[in-house]
Amino acid sequence: MKTGEEGDELENISIDNDLEEDIKIVAKENIDDDTDMYKFGWSNYSEITNGRFAMLGFLAIILIELLSQQSFLKWAGIL
């Protein structure tokens, strides 16, 4: 007959095995995602990179407006 501790131990082992299987699945999915690193044209990598540069540009415009106390268009000499 199993004692309470042995039952808990068996349950922990099965949970650990499930976690190991999940980790292997996630690792395999990450490896598949890395194959889309850089490709010429429209790809996930280029879209993410363009989005990051757009966020940096937007942040730069906000900082210019805050530090110069005038609109970006006026600061740039467009208006």
C-alpha atoms as a PDB file:
ATOM      1  CA  MET A   1       0.000   0.000   0.000  1.00  0.00           C
ATOM      2  CA  LYS A   2       1.272   3.487  -0.860  1.00  0.00           C
ATOM      3  CA  THR A   3       1.740   5.999   1.862  1.00  0.00           C
ATOM      4  CA  GLY A   4       0.861   9.645   1.406  1.00  0.00           C
ATOM      5  CA  GLU A   5       4.486  10.585   0.763  1.00  0.00           C
ATOM      6  CA  GLU A   6       4.933   7.929  -1.946  1.00  0.00           C
ATOM      7  CA  GLY A   7       1.760   9.067  -3.674  1.00  0.00           C
ATOM      8  CA  ASP A   8       2.954  12.681  -3.627  1.00  0.00           C
ATOM      9  CA  GLU A   9       6.329  11.580  -4.969  1.00  0.00           C
ATOM     10  CA  LEU A  10       4.732   9.717  -7.884  1.00  0.00           C
ATOM     11  CA  GLU A  11       2.518  12.706  -8.654  1.00  0.00           C
ATOM     12  CA  ASN A  12       5.540  15.039  -8.687  1.00  0.00           C
ATOM     13  CA  ILE A  13       7.393  12.707 -11.048  1.00  0.00           C
ATOM     14  CA  SER A  14       4.495  12.651 -13.506  1.00  0.00           C
ATOM     15  CA  ILE A  15       4.198  16.452 -13.337  1.00  0.00           C
ATOM     16  CA  ASP A  16       7.956  16.756 -13.986  1.00  0.00           C
ATOM     17  CA  ASN A  17       7.653  14.479 -17.019  1.00  0.00           C
ATOM     18  CA  ASP A  18       4.778  16.583 -18.371  1.00  0.00           C
ATOM     19  CA  LEU A  19       6.823  19.753 -17.883  1.00  0.00           C
ATOM     20  CA  GLU A  20       9.794  18.247 -19.716  1.00  0.00           C
ATOM     21  CA  GLU A  21       7.576  17.348 -22.663  1.00  0.00           C
ATOM     22  CA  ASP A  22       6.105  20.873 -22.719  1.00  0.00           C
ATOM     23  CA  ILE A  23       9.603  22.393 -22.645  1.00  0.00           C
ATOM     24  CA  LYS A  24      10.667  20.243 -25.598  1.00  0.00           C
ATOM     25  CA  ILE A  25       7.588  21.322 -27.574  1.00  0.00           C
ATOM     26  CA  VAL A  26       8.180  25.021 -26.826  1.00  0.00           C
ATOM     27  CA  ALA A  27      11.878  24.705 -27.691  1.00  0.00           C
ATOM     28  CA  LYS A  28      10.995  23.086 -31.029  1.00  0.00           C
ATOM     29  CA  GLU A  29       8.505  25.886 -31.796  1.00  0.00           C
ATOM     30  CA  ASN A  30      11.183  28.509 -31.018  1.00  0.00           C
ATOM     31  CA  ILE A  31      13.633  26.786 -33.346  1.00  0.00           C
ATOM     32  CA  ASP A  32      11.014  26.848 -36.110  1.00  0.00           C
ATOM     33  CA  ASP A  33      10.413  30.585 -35.516  1.00  0.00           C
ATOM     34  CA  ASP A  34      14.139  31.346 -35.820  1.00  0.00           C
ATOM     35  CA  THR A  35      14.231  30.029 -39.381  1.00  0.00           C
ATOM     36  CA  ASP A  36      12.377  33.212 -40.422  1.00  0.00           C
ATOM     37  CA  MET A  37      15.300  35.454 -39.439  1.00  0.00           C
ATOM     38  CA  TYR A  38      16.006  37.666 -42.445  1.00  0.00           C
ATOM     39  CA  LYS A  39      14.464  37.202 -45.826  1.00  0.00           C
ATOM     40  CA  PHE A  40      14.242  39.794 -48.547  1.00  0.00           C
ATOM     41  CA  GLY A  41      10.747  41.218 -48.882  1.00  0.00           C
ATOM     42  CA  TRP A  42       7.727  40.839 -46.611  1.00  0.00           C
ATOM     43  CA  SER A  43       8.470  38.589 -43.642  1.00  0.00           C
ATOM     44  CA  ASN A  44       7.769  38.552 -39.921  1.00  0.00           C
ATOM     45  CA  TYR A  45      11.337  39.580 -39.150  1.00  0.00           C
ATOM     46  CA  SER A  46      11.250  42.663 -41.389  1.00  0.00           C
ATOM     47  CA  GLU A  47       7.844  43.705 -40.049  1.00  0.00           C
ATOM     48  CA  ILE A  48       9.035  43.453 -36.445  1.00  0.00           C
ATOM     49  CA  THR A  49      12.227  45.382 -37.270  1.00  0.00           C
ATOM     50  CA  ASN A  50      10.289  48.137 -39.053  1.00  0.00           C
ATOM     51  CA  GLY A  51       7.890  48.406 -36.121  1.00  0.00           C
ATOM     52  CA  ARG A  52      10.760  48.782 -33.660  1.00  0.00           C
ATOM     53  CA  PHE A  53      12.379  51.533 -35.730  1.00  0.00           C
ATOM     54  CA  ALA A  54       9.012  53.300 -35.996  1.00  0.00           C
ATOM     55  CA  MET A  55       8.649  53.211 -32.209  1.00  0.00           C
ATOM     56  CA  LEU A  56      12.136  54.680 -31.799  1.00  0.00           C
ATOM     57  CA  GLY A  57      11.330  57.452 -34.286  1.00  0.00           C
ATOM     58  CA  PHE A  58       8.069  58.257 -32.538  1.00  0.00           C
ATOM     59  CA  LEU A  59       9.878  58.409 -29.188  1.00  0.00           C
ATOM     60  CA  ALA A  60      12.507  60.729 -30.709  1.00  0.00           C
ATOM     61  CA  ILE A  61       9.799  63.105 -31.968  1.00  0.00           C
ATOM     62  CA  ILE A  62       8.154  63.187 -28.538  1.00  0.00           C
ATOM     63  CA  LEU A  63      11.501  63.923 -26.854  1.00  0.00           C
ATOM     64  CA  ILE A  64      12.276  66.699 -29.364  1.00  0.00           C
ATOM     65  CA  GLU A  65       8.904  68.316 -28.680  1.00  0.00           C
ATOM     66  CA  LEU A  66       9.326  68.047 -24.915  1.00  0.00           C
ATOM     67  CA  LEU A  67      12.877  69.411 -24.859  1.00  0.00           C
ATOM     68  CA  SER A  68      12.440  72.195 -27.448  1.00  0.00           C
ATOM     69  CA  GLN A  69       8.972  73.300 -26.244  1.00  0.00           C
ATOM     70  CA  GLN A  70       7.737  73.566 -29.852  1.00  0.00           C
ATOM     71  CA  SER A  71       6.123  71.250 -32.352  1.00  0.00           C
ATOM     72  CA  PHE A  72       8.300  68.889 -34.361  1.00  0.00           C
ATOM     73  CA  LEU A  73       7.253  70.473 -37.651  1.00  0.00           C
ATOM     74  CA  LYS A  74       8.234  73.934 -36.405  1.00  0.00           C
ATOM     75  CA  TRP A  75      11.503  72.603 -34.941  1.00  0.00           C
ATOM     76  CA  ALA A  76      12.326  70.907 -38.263  1.00  0.00           C
ATOM     77  CA  GLY A  77      11.621  74.152 -40.179  1.00  0.00           C
ATOM     78  CA  ILE A  78       8.656  72.774 -42.119  1.00  0.00           C
ATOM     79  CA  LEU A  79       6.184  75.279 -40.636  1.00  0.00           C
END
